[in-house]
Amino acid sequence: MTYVQRSISSLDLSNLVTCEDDSFVISDEQRVSLATRFRSIPTTHRLRADAWMVERRGNTGRQFAWSPVTARRTIGNAALRRGGEVSSLLSAIHDVVDEHLFRAAKGYARHGTLGHWLAQQTSPVLAIVTAEAMTWGTTALETLESFGTPFSIAHSDAYYDVAGARTSLRGRRDALIATKNGRIVVRLRTGIPSPTAVAGLRADLTIDAFANVEGCAAQRIVGVWPDAGIALAVDGGESVIRAGARDLLRVAITQFRQHSSVAA
């Protein structure tokens, strides 16, 4: 497995998306093995695992709640998929927010969704949401353009429901860069990398691979922390996928134990 840390000058970022290795392909036997291990957890409730939980070794802490900060990535990326130019980004953000509000007004937004939350907010809060999404979108666009190669904003995160197990995996991905031998996944992060940031990237890469219909892993995942001026890259070899799967399994086991302790 290969881990690389770089500053985020244009030269360093362009080097991180230069990858000649062939993509690793998950076999049917490996899918069955993963499912078997998750099914061995005797849970009666739904388990969820992602990179955020891996970085915190399964200790989820407070439950997720929508706020201007937690909504900025979803809205900002949706706006970037529509436009691609800074000059049109604000208009695209307004369109995305308006569509969420429209769905809520028509009764299509379920409780707990972003649209449902937006519909309950005042105009000042919606203005803060717009500002946060604009900051996210502008930073994302500037960072991605620094790679110096064509990219596309990911249509959605990667989701994988483990067959026969009460477990779902979510891998975050903000952009994809096509290479001649496969793809590179890009994640944009705020703040500074934690000591377990590599494990988080490895988990995102693993989930992206299992979510791929053909089981084809990305050649590399690149995490960028623009605020800190740091980029981390993890190559998508078989050993990385195995390690990522083990991390996700540990998170599921920790969740099961925590739930069992509370229920007791």
C-alpha atoms as a PDB file:
ATOM      1  CA  MET A   1       0.000   0.000   0.000  1.00  0.00           C
ATOM      2  CA  THR A   2       1.234   3.523  -0.714  1.00  0.00           C
ATOM      3  CA  TYR A   3       0.515   6.717   1.218  1.00  0.00           C
ATOM      4  CA  VAL A   4       1.735  10.049  -0.098  1.00  0.00           C
ATOM      5  CA  GLN A   5       1.572  13.467   1.546  1.00  0.00           C
ATOM      6  CA  ARG A   6       2.143  16.647  -0.426  1.00  0.00           C
ATOM      7  CA  SER A   7       1.590  20.374  -0.218  1.00  0.00           C
ATOM      8  CA  ILE A   8      -1.103  21.576  -2.585  1.00  0.00           C
ATOM      9  CA  SER A   9       0.783  23.562  -5.178  1.00  0.00           C
ATOM     10  CA  SER A  10      -0.460  22.938  -8.726  1.00  0.00           C
ATOM     11  CA  LEU A  11       2.648  20.867  -9.491  1.00  0.00           C
ATOM     12  CA  ASP A  12       2.198  18.639  -6.451  1.00  0.00           C
ATOM     13  CA  LEU A  13      -1.499  18.094  -7.160  1.00  0.00           C
ATOM     14  CA  SER A  14      -0.869  17.254 -10.808  1.00  0.00           C
ATOM     15  CA  ASN A  15       1.700  14.665  -9.694  1.00  0.00           C
ATOM     16  CA  LEU A  16      -0.882  13.038  -7.422  1.00  0.00           C
ATOM     17  CA  VAL A  17      -3.235  12.342 -10.329  1.00  0.00           C
ATOM     18  CA  THR A  18      -0.510  10.759 -12.431  1.00  0.00           C
ATOM     19  CA  CYS A  19      -0.983   7.040 -11.824  1.00  0.00           C
ATOM     20  CA  GLU A  20       0.112   4.228 -14.126  1.00  0.00           C
ATOM     21  CA  ASP A  21      -0.928   1.250 -11.976  1.00  0.00           C
ATOM     22  CA  ASP A  22      -3.723  -1.012 -13.179  1.00  0.00           C
ATOM     23  CA  SER A  23      -6.942  -0.987 -11.166  1.00  0.00           C
ATOM     24  CA  PHE A  24      -7.522  -3.767  -8.646  1.00  0.00           C
ATOM     25  CA  VAL A  25     -10.743  -5.718  -9.212  1.00  0.00           C
ATOM     26  CA  ILE A  26     -12.692  -7.236  -6.311  1.00  0.00           C
ATOM     27  CA  SER A  27     -13.565 -10.885  -6.930  1.00  0.00           C
ATOM     28  CA  ASP A  28     -16.931 -12.516  -6.240  1.00  0.00           C
ATOM     29  CA  GLU A  29     -15.260 -14.575  -3.525  1.00  0.00           C
ATOM     30  CA  GLN A  30     -14.077 -11.402  -1.783  1.00  0.00           C
ATOM     31  CA  ARG A  31     -17.587  -9.928  -1.897  1.00  0.00           C
ATOM     32  CA  VAL A  32     -18.973 -13.122  -0.344  1.00  0.00           C
ATOM     33  CA  SER A  33     -16.254 -13.082   2.311  1.00  0.00           C
ATOM     34  CA  LEU A  34     -17.072  -9.494   3.268  1.00  0.00           C
ATOM     35  CA  ALA A  35     -20.799 -10.243   3.464  1.00  0.00           C
ATOM     36  CA  THR A  36     -20.179 -13.348   5.564  1.00  0.00           C
ATOM     37  CA  ARG A  37     -18.192 -11.388   8.127  1.00  0.00           C
ATOM     38  CA  PHE A  38     -20.800  -8.657   8.410  1.00  0.00           C
ATOM     39  CA  ARG A  39     -23.612 -11.220   8.675  1.00  0.00           C
ATOM     40  CA  SER A  40     -21.805 -12.817  11.625  1.00  0.00           C
ATOM     41  CA  ILE A  41     -22.586  -9.704  13.710  1.00  0.00           C
ATOM     42  CA  PRO A  42     -25.797 -10.685  15.567  1.00  0.00           C
ATOM     43  CA  THR A  43     -27.454  -7.297  15.315  1.00  0.00           C
ATOM     44  CA  THR A  44     -31.189  -6.682  15.246  1.00  0.00           C
ATOM     45  CA  HIS A  45     -30.910  -3.081  14.107  1.00  0.00           C
ATOM     46  CA  ARG A  46     -29.415  -1.325  11.101  1.00  0.00           C
ATOM     47  CA  LEU A  47     -25.660  -0.698  11.149  1.00  0.00           C
ATOM     48  CA  ARG A  48     -24.002   2.054   9.158  1.00  0.00           C
ATOM     49  CA  ALA A  49     -20.309   2.635   8.582  1.00  0.00           C
ATOM     50  CA  ASP A  50     -18.357   5.352   6.825  1.00  0.00           C
ATOM     51  CA  ALA A  51     -14.969   7.081   6.894  1.00  0.00           C
ATOM     52  CA  TRP A  52     -16.033   9.507   9.620  1.00  0.00           C
ATOM     53  CA  MET A  53     -16.762   6.569  11.955  1.00  0.00           C
ATOM     54  CA  VAL A  54     -13.538   4.813  10.957  1.00  0.00           C
ATOM     55  CA  GLU A  55     -11.506   7.907  11.829  1.00  0.00           C
ATOM     56  CA  ARG A  56     -13.173   7.918  15.250  1.00  0.00           C
ATOM     57  CA  ARG A  57     -12.787   4.144  15.696  1.00  0.00           C
ATOM     58  CA  GLY A  58     -16.530   3.625  15.822  1.00  0.00           C
ATOM     59  CA  ASN A  59     -17.263   6.253  18.458  1.00  0.00           C
ATOM     60  CA  THR A  60     -19.865   8.310  16.614  1.00  0.00           C
ATOM     61  CA  GLY A  61     -20.586  10.818  19.391  1.00  0.00           C
ATOM     62  CA  ARG A  62     -23.452  13.157  18.660  1.00  0.00           C
ATOM     63  CA  GLN A  63     -26.013  12.193  16.040  1.00  0.00           C
ATOM     64  CA  PHE A  64     -25.916  13.950  12.688  1.00  0.00           C
ATOM     65  CA  ALA A  65     -28.002  17.123  12.416  1.00  0.00           C
ATOM     66  CA  TRP A  66     -28.471  19.520   9.520  1.00  0.00           C
ATOM     67  CA  SER A  67     -26.934  22.976   9.864  1.00  0.00           C
ATOM     68  CA  PRO A  68     -25.476  25.544   7.442  1.00  0.00           C
ATOM     69  CA  VAL A  69     -22.103  23.812   7.858  1.00  0.00           C
ATOM     70  CA  THR A  70     -23.346  20.249   7.305  1.00  0.00           C
ATOM     71  CA  ALA A  71     -25.518  21.340   4.363  1.00  0.00           C
ATOM     72  CA  ARG A  72     -22.809  23.235   2.466  1.00  0.00           C
ATOM     73  CA  ARG A  73     -21.184  20.218   0.829  1.00  0.00           C
ATOM     74  CA  THR A  74     -24.448  18.730  -0.451  1.00  0.00           C
ATOM     75  CA  ILE A  75     -25.679  22.051  -1.845  1.00  0.00           C
ATOM     76  CA  GLY A  76     -22.273  23.218  -3.082  1.00  0.00           C
ATOM     77  CA  ASN A  77     -21.535  20.015  -5.007  1.00  0.00           C
ATOM     78  CA  ALA A  78     -25.027  19.947  -6.495  1.00  0.00           C
ATOM     79  CA  ALA A  79     -24.495  23.507  -7.706  1.00  0.00           C
ATOM     80  CA  LEU A  80     -21.093  22.639  -9.185  1.00  0.00           C
ATOM     81  CA  ARG A  81     -22.649  19.812 -11.181  1.00  0.00           C
ATOM     82  CA  ARG A  82     -24.892  22.385 -12.832  1.00  0.00           C
ATOM     83  CA  GLY A  83     -22.370  25.061 -13.602  1.00  0.00           C
ATOM     84  CA  GLY A  84     -18.630  24.865 -13.341  1.00  0.00           C
ATOM     85  CA  GLU A  85     -17.934  28.602 -13.428  1.00  0.00           C
ATOM     86  CA  VAL A  86     -17.603  30.825 -10.369  1.00  0.00           C
ATOM     87  CA  SER A  87     -19.731  33.495 -12.053  1.00  0.00           C
ATOM     88  CA  SER A  88     -22.721  31.136 -12.268  1.00  0.00           C
ATOM     89  CA  LEU A  89     -22.154  29.310  -8.977  1.00  0.00           C
ATOM     90  CA  LEU A  90     -24.299  31.586  -6.799  1.00  0.00           C
ATOM     91  CA  SER A  91     -27.214  31.296  -9.204  1.00  0.00           C
ATOM     92  CA  ALA A  92     -26.857  27.511  -9.227  1.00  0.00           C
ATOM     93  CA  ILE A  93     -26.846  27.434  -5.413  1.00  0.00           C
ATOM     94  CA  HIS A  94     -30.063  29.464  -5.308  1.00  0.00           C
ATOM     95  CA  ASP A  95     -31.616  27.015  -7.790  1.00  0.00           C
ATOM     96  CA  VAL A  96     -30.599  24.002  -5.678  1.00  0.00           C
ATOM     97  CA  VAL A  97     -32.018  25.522  -2.487  1.00  0.00           C
ATOM     98  CA  ASP A  98     -35.226  26.529  -4.280  1.00  0.00           C
ATOM     99  CA  GLU A  99     -35.699  22.987  -5.575  1.00  0.00           C
ATOM    100  CA  HIS A 100     -35.326  21.543  -2.072  1.00  0.00           C
ATOM    101  CA  LEU A 101     -37.868  24.069  -0.773  1.00  0.00           C
ATOM    102  CA  PHE A 102     -40.246  23.287  -3.625  1.00  0.00           C
ATOM    103  CA  ARG A 103     -40.108  19.555  -2.886  1.00  0.00           C
ATOM    104  CA  ALA A 104     -40.789  20.262   0.776  1.00  0.00           C
ATOM    105  CA  ALA A 105     -43.728  22.516  -0.069  1.00  0.00           C
ATOM    106  CA  LYS A 106     -45.220  19.760  -2.243  1.00  0.00           C
ATOM    107  CA  GLY A 107     -44.794  17.213   0.536  1.00  0.00           C
ATOM    108  CA  TYR A 108     -42.090  15.200  -1.229  1.00  0.00           C
ATOM    109  CA  ALA A 109     -39.350  15.842   1.349  1.00  0.00           C
ATOM    110  CA  ARG A 110     -39.263  13.216   4.065  1.00  0.00           C
ATOM    111  CA  HIS A 111     -38.614  14.062   7.692  1.00  0.00           C
ATOM    112  CA  GLY A 112     -34.886  14.368   8.353  1.00  0.00           C
ATOM    113  CA  THR A 113     -33.950  15.231   4.776  1.00  0.00           C
ATOM    114  CA  LEU A 114     -32.162  18.410   3.756  1.00  0.00           C
ATOM    115  CA  GLY A 115     -35.277  19.773   2.072  1.00  0.00           C
ATOM    116  CA  HIS A 116     -37.384  19.195   5.164  1.00  0.00           C
ATOM    117  CA  TRP A 117     -34.802  21.017   7.303  1.00  0.00           C
ATOM    118  CA  LEU A 118     -34.446  23.941   4.882  1.00  0.00           C
ATOM    119  CA  ALA A 119     -38.210  24.429   4.821  1.00  0.00           C
ATOM    120  CA  GLN A 120     -38.185  25.071   8.585  1.00  0.00           C
ATOM    121  CA  GLN A 121     -35.500  27.769   8.478  1.00  0.00           C
ATOM    122  CA  THR A 122     -35.890  31.555   8.488  1.00  0.00           C
ATOM    123  CA  SER A 123     -34.611  33.787   5.707  1.00  0.00           C
ATOM    124  CA  PRO A 124     -31.450  34.790   7.656  1.00  0.00           C
ATOM    125  CA  VAL A 125     -30.539  31.135   8.193  1.00  0.00           C
ATOM    126  CA  LEU A 126     -31.122  30.373   4.512  1.00  0.00           C
ATOM    127  CA  ALA A 127     -28.795  33.253   3.687  1.00  0.00           C
ATOM    128  CA  ILE A 128     -26.104  31.671   5.888  1.00  0.00           C
ATOM    129  CA  VAL A 129     -26.686  28.328   4.160  1.00  0.00           C
ATOM    130  CA  THR A 130     -26.168  30.016   0.797  1.00  0.00           C
ATOM    131  CA  ALA A 131     -22.984  31.724   1.964  1.00  0.00           C
ATOM    132  CA  GLU A 132     -21.554  28.464   3.343  1.00  0.00           C
ATOM    133  CA  ALA A 133     -22.389  26.605   0.122  1.00  0.00           C
ATOM    134  CA  MET A 134     -20.797  29.390  -1.921  1.00  0.00           C
ATOM    135  CA  THR A 135     -17.604  29.169   0.122  1.00  0.00           C
ATOM    136  CA  TRP A 136     -17.519  25.403  -0.277  1.00  0.00           C
ATOM    137  CA  GLY A 137     -18.200  25.549  -4.021  1.00  0.00           C
ATOM    138  CA  THR A 138     -15.628  28.273  -4.703  1.00  0.00           C
ATOM    139  CA  THR A 139     -12.915  26.494  -2.724  1.00  0.00           C
ATOM    140  CA  ALA A 140     -13.750  23.163  -4.354  1.00  0.00           C
ATOM    141  CA  LEU A 141     -13.619  24.625  -7.853  1.00  0.00           C
ATOM    142  CA  GLU A 142     -10.317  26.387  -7.262  1.00  0.00           C
ATOM    143  CA  THR A 143      -8.787  23.248  -5.752  1.00  0.00           C
ATOM    144  CA  LEU A 144      -9.981  20.906  -8.478  1.00  0.00           C
ATOM    145  CA  GLU A 145      -8.802  23.231 -11.231  1.00  0.00           C
ATOM    146  CA  SER A 146      -5.343  23.173  -9.617  1.00  0.00           C
ATOM    147  CA  PHE A 147      -5.002  19.505 -10.571  1.00  0.00           C
ATOM    148  CA  GLY A 148      -4.568  20.685 -14.147  1.00  0.00           C
ATOM    149  CA  THR A 149      -6.596  17.819 -15.600  1.00  0.00           C
ATOM    150  CA  PRO A 150     -10.276  17.347 -16.525  1.00  0.00           C
ATOM    151  CA  PHE A 151     -12.532  16.333 -13.647  1.00  0.00           C
ATOM    152  CA  SER A 152     -16.198  15.733 -12.974  1.00  0.00           C
ATOM    153  CA  ILE A 153     -18.154  16.366  -9.788  1.00  0.00           C
ATOM    154  CA  ALA A 154     -19.349  13.040  -8.416  1.00  0.00           C
ATOM    155  CA  HIS A 155     -23.044  12.504  -9.028  1.00  0.00           C
ATOM    156  CA  SER A 156     -23.432  11.063  -5.531  1.00  0.00           C
ATOM    157  CA  ASP A 157     -21.510   9.433  -2.726  1.00  0.00           C
ATOM    158  CA  ALA A 158     -20.820   5.706  -2.964  1.00  0.00           C
ATOM    159  CA  TYR A 159     -23.375   3.479  -1.201  1.00  0.00           C
ATOM    160  CA  TYR A 160     -23.074  -0.251  -0.649  1.00  0.00           C
ATOM    161  CA  ASP A 161     -25.597  -2.446   1.155  1.00  0.00           C
ATOM    162  CA  VAL A 162     -23.839  -5.589   2.344  1.00  0.00           C
ATOM    163  CA  ALA A 163     -25.749  -8.597   1.000  1.00  0.00           C
ATOM    164  CA  GLY A 164     -27.779 -10.365   3.658  1.00  0.00           C
ATOM    165  CA  ALA A 165     -26.493  -8.147   6.471  1.00  0.00           C
ATOM    166  CA  ARG A 166     -28.164  -5.253   8.225  1.00  0.00           C
ATOM    167  CA  THR A 167     -25.274  -3.028   7.208  1.00  0.00           C
ATOM    168  CA  SER A 168     -24.880  -0.158   4.765  1.00  0.00           C
ATOM    169  CA  LEU A 169     -21.616   1.547   3.852  1.00  0.00           C
ATOM    170  CA  ARG A 170     -21.252   5.129   2.640  1.00  0.00           C
ATOM    171  CA  GLY A 171     -18.110   6.363   0.930  1.00  0.00           C
ATOM    172  CA  ARG A 172     -17.731  10.081   0.324  1.00  0.00           C
ATOM    173  CA  ARG A 173     -16.416  11.292  -2.997  1.00  0.00           C
ATOM    174  CA  ASP A 174     -16.488  14.836  -4.304  1.00  0.00           C
ATOM    175  CA  ALA A 175     -14.895  14.531  -7.729  1.00  0.00           C
ATOM    176  CA  LEU A 176     -13.651  11.911 -10.174  1.00  0.00           C
ATOM    177  CA  ILE A 177     -10.695  12.138 -12.528  1.00  0.00           C
ATOM    178  CA  ALA A 178     -10.559   9.681 -15.414  1.00  0.00           C
ATOM    179  CA  THR A 179      -7.219   8.105 -16.289  1.00  0.00           C
ATOM    180  CA  LYS A 180      -6.244   5.810 -19.139  1.00  0.00           C
ATOM    181  CA  ASN A 181      -6.310   2.822 -16.781  1.00  0.00           C
ATOM    182  CA  GLY A 182      -9.156   3.738 -14.437  1.00  0.00           C
ATOM    183  CA  ARG A 183     -10.178   6.584 -12.167  1.00  0.00           C
ATOM    184  CA  ILE A 184      -8.981   8.686  -9.257  1.00  0.00           C
ATOM    185  CA  VAL A 185     -11.355   9.732  -6.478  1.00  0.00           C
ATOM    186  CA  VAL A 186     -10.968  13.182  -4.909  1.00  0.00           C
ATOM    187  CA  ARG A 187     -12.229  14.122  -1.453  1.00  0.00           C
ATOM    188  CA  LEU A 188     -12.308  17.697  -0.205  1.00  0.00           C
ATOM    189  CA  ARG A 189     -11.985  18.195   3.536  1.00  0.00           C
ATOM    190  CA  THR A 190     -12.063  21.133   5.926  1.00  0.00           C
ATOM    191  CA  GLY A 191      -9.663  21.934   8.759  1.00  0.00           C
ATOM    192  CA  ILE A 192      -6.519  19.839   9.116  1.00  0.00           C
ATOM    193  CA  PRO A 193      -5.946  16.090   8.680  1.00  0.00           C
ATOM    194  CA  SER A 194      -6.447  14.041  11.821  1.00  0.00           C
ATOM    195  CA  PRO A 195      -3.954  11.329  12.841  1.00  0.00           C
ATOM    196  CA  THR A 196      -6.414   8.786  11.416  1.00  0.00           C
ATOM    197  CA  ALA A 197      -7.102  10.637   8.148  1.00  0.00           C
ATOM    198  CA  VAL A 198      -5.378   7.966   6.063  1.00  0.00           C
ATOM    199  CA  ALA A 199      -7.696   5.306   7.516  1.00  0.00           C
ATOM    200  CA  GLY A 200     -10.661   7.488   6.557  1.00  0.00           C
ATOM    201  CA  LEU A 201      -9.465   7.854   2.973  1.00  0.00           C
ATOM    202  CA  ARG A 202      -8.827   4.115   2.822  1.00  0.00           C
ATOM    203  CA  ALA A 203     -12.413   3.465   3.943  1.00  0.00           C
ATOM    204  CA  ASP A 204     -13.825   5.828   1.297  1.00  0.00           C
ATOM    205  CA  LEU A 205     -11.735   4.111  -1.376  1.00  0.00           C
ATOM    206  CA  THR A 206     -12.870   0.661  -0.211  1.00  0.00           C
ATOM    207  CA  ILE A 207     -16.568   1.544  -0.247  1.00  0.00           C
ATOM    208  CA  ASP A 208     -16.200   3.154  -3.678  1.00  0.00           C
ATOM    209  CA  ALA A 209     -14.689  -0.099  -4.941  1.00  0.00           C
ATOM    210  CA  PHE A 210     -17.430  -2.349  -3.544  1.00  0.00           C
ATOM    211  CA  ALA A 211     -20.106   0.038  -4.842  1.00  0.00           C
ATOM    212  CA  ASN A 212     -18.664  -0.240  -8.353  1.00  0.00           C
ATOM    213  CA  VAL A 213     -20.745  -2.715 -10.366  1.00  0.00           C
ATOM    214  CA  GLU A 214     -17.636  -4.419 -11.720  1.00  0.00           C
ATOM    215  CA  GLY A 215     -15.798  -4.223  -8.397  1.00  0.00           C
ATOM    216  CA  CYS A 216     -13.117  -2.072  -9.970  1.00  0.00           C
ATOM    217  CA  ALA A 217     -11.224  -0.051  -7.359  1.00  0.00           C
ATOM    218  CA  ALA A 218     -10.041   3.467  -8.031  1.00  0.00           C
ATOM    219  CA  GLN A 219      -6.317   3.639  -8.721  1.00  0.00           C
ATOM    220  CA  ARG A 220      -5.979   6.234  -5.992  1.00  0.00           C
ATOM    221  CA  ILE A 221      -7.947   8.448  -3.653  1.00  0.00           C
ATOM    222  CA  VAL A 222      -6.676  11.964  -2.993  1.00  0.00           C
ATOM    223  CA  GLY A 223      -7.852  13.874   0.069  1.00  0.00           C
ATOM    224  CA  VAL A 224      -7.272  17.620  -0.001  1.00  0.00           C
ATOM    225  CA  TRP A 225      -7.414  19.960   2.998  1.00  0.00           C
ATOM    226  CA  PRO A 226      -7.272  23.427   1.371  1.00  0.00           C
ATOM    227  CA  ASP A 227      -7.348  25.236   4.737  1.00  0.00           C
ATOM    228  CA  ALA A 228      -4.189  23.420   5.824  1.00  0.00           C
ATOM    229  CA  GLY A 229      -2.507  23.324   2.415  1.00  0.00           C
ATOM    230  CA  ILE A 230      -2.144  19.542   2.608  1.00  0.00           C
ATOM    231  CA  ALA A 231      -3.051  16.673   0.313  1.00  0.00           C
ATOM    232  CA  LEU A 232      -2.927  12.962   1.181  1.00  0.00           C
ATOM    233  CA  ALA A 233      -3.103  10.168  -1.373  1.00  0.00           C
ATOM    234  CA  VAL A 234      -3.774   6.459  -0.895  1.00  0.00           C
ATOM    235  CA  ASP A 235      -3.239   3.966  -3.712  1.00  0.00           C
ATOM    236  CA  GLY A 236      -6.012   1.451  -4.344  1.00  0.00           C
ATOM    237  CA  GLY A 237      -4.207  -1.874  -4.217  1.00  0.00           C
ATOM    238  CA  GLU A 238      -5.576  -5.126  -2.836  1.00  0.00           C
ATOM    239  CA  SER A 239      -3.877  -4.684   0.554  1.00  0.00           C
ATOM    240  CA  VAL A 240      -5.527  -1.263   0.961  1.00  0.00           C
ATOM    241  CA  ILE A 241      -8.972  -2.651   0.113  1.00  0.00           C
ATOM    242  CA  ARG A 242      -8.499  -5.471   2.616  1.00  0.00           C
ATOM    243  CA  ALA A 243      -7.372  -3.052   5.329  1.00  0.00           C
ATOM    244  CA  GLY A 244     -10.292  -0.738   4.579  1.00  0.00           C
ATOM    245  CA  ALA A 245     -12.752  -3.626   4.834  1.00  0.00           C
ATOM    246  CA  ARG A 246     -11.291  -4.628   8.210  1.00  0.00           C
ATOM    247  CA  ASP A 247     -11.650  -1.057   9.490  1.00  0.00           C
ATOM    248  CA  LEU A 248     -15.296  -0.921   8.405  1.00  0.00           C
ATOM    249  CA  LEU A 249     -15.996  -4.295  10.017  1.00  0.00           C
ATOM    250  CA  ARG A 250     -14.492  -3.055  13.295  1.00  0.00           C
ATOM    251  CA  VAL A 251     -16.752  -0.006  13.161  1.00  0.00           C
ATOM    252  CA  ALA A 252     -19.818  -2.213  12.693  1.00  0.00           C
ATOM    253  CA  ILE A 253     -18.789  -4.421  15.630  1.00  0.00           C
ATOM    254  CA  THR A 254     -18.224  -1.336  17.819  1.00  0.00           C
ATOM    255  CA  GLN A 255     -21.668  -0.015  16.869  1.00  0.00           C
ATOM    256  CA  PHE A 256     -23.257  -3.363  17.745  1.00  0.00           C
ATOM    257  CA  ARG A 257     -21.545  -3.434  21.142  1.00  0.00           C
ATOM    258  CA  GLN A 258     -22.511   0.155  21.917  1.00  0.00           C
ATOM    259  CA  HIS A 259     -26.138  -0.523  20.996  1.00  0.00           C
ATOM    260  CA  SER A 260     -26.193  -3.726  23.021  1.00  0.00           C
ATOM    261  CA  SER A 261     -24.756  -1.910  26.029  1.00  0.00           C
ATOM    262  CA  VAL A 262     -27.414   0.806  25.834  1.00  0.00           C
ATOM    263  CA  ALA A 263     -30.193  -1.752  25.387  1.00  0.00           C
ATOM    264  CA  ALA A 264     -28.976  -3.676  28.418  1.00  0.00           C
END
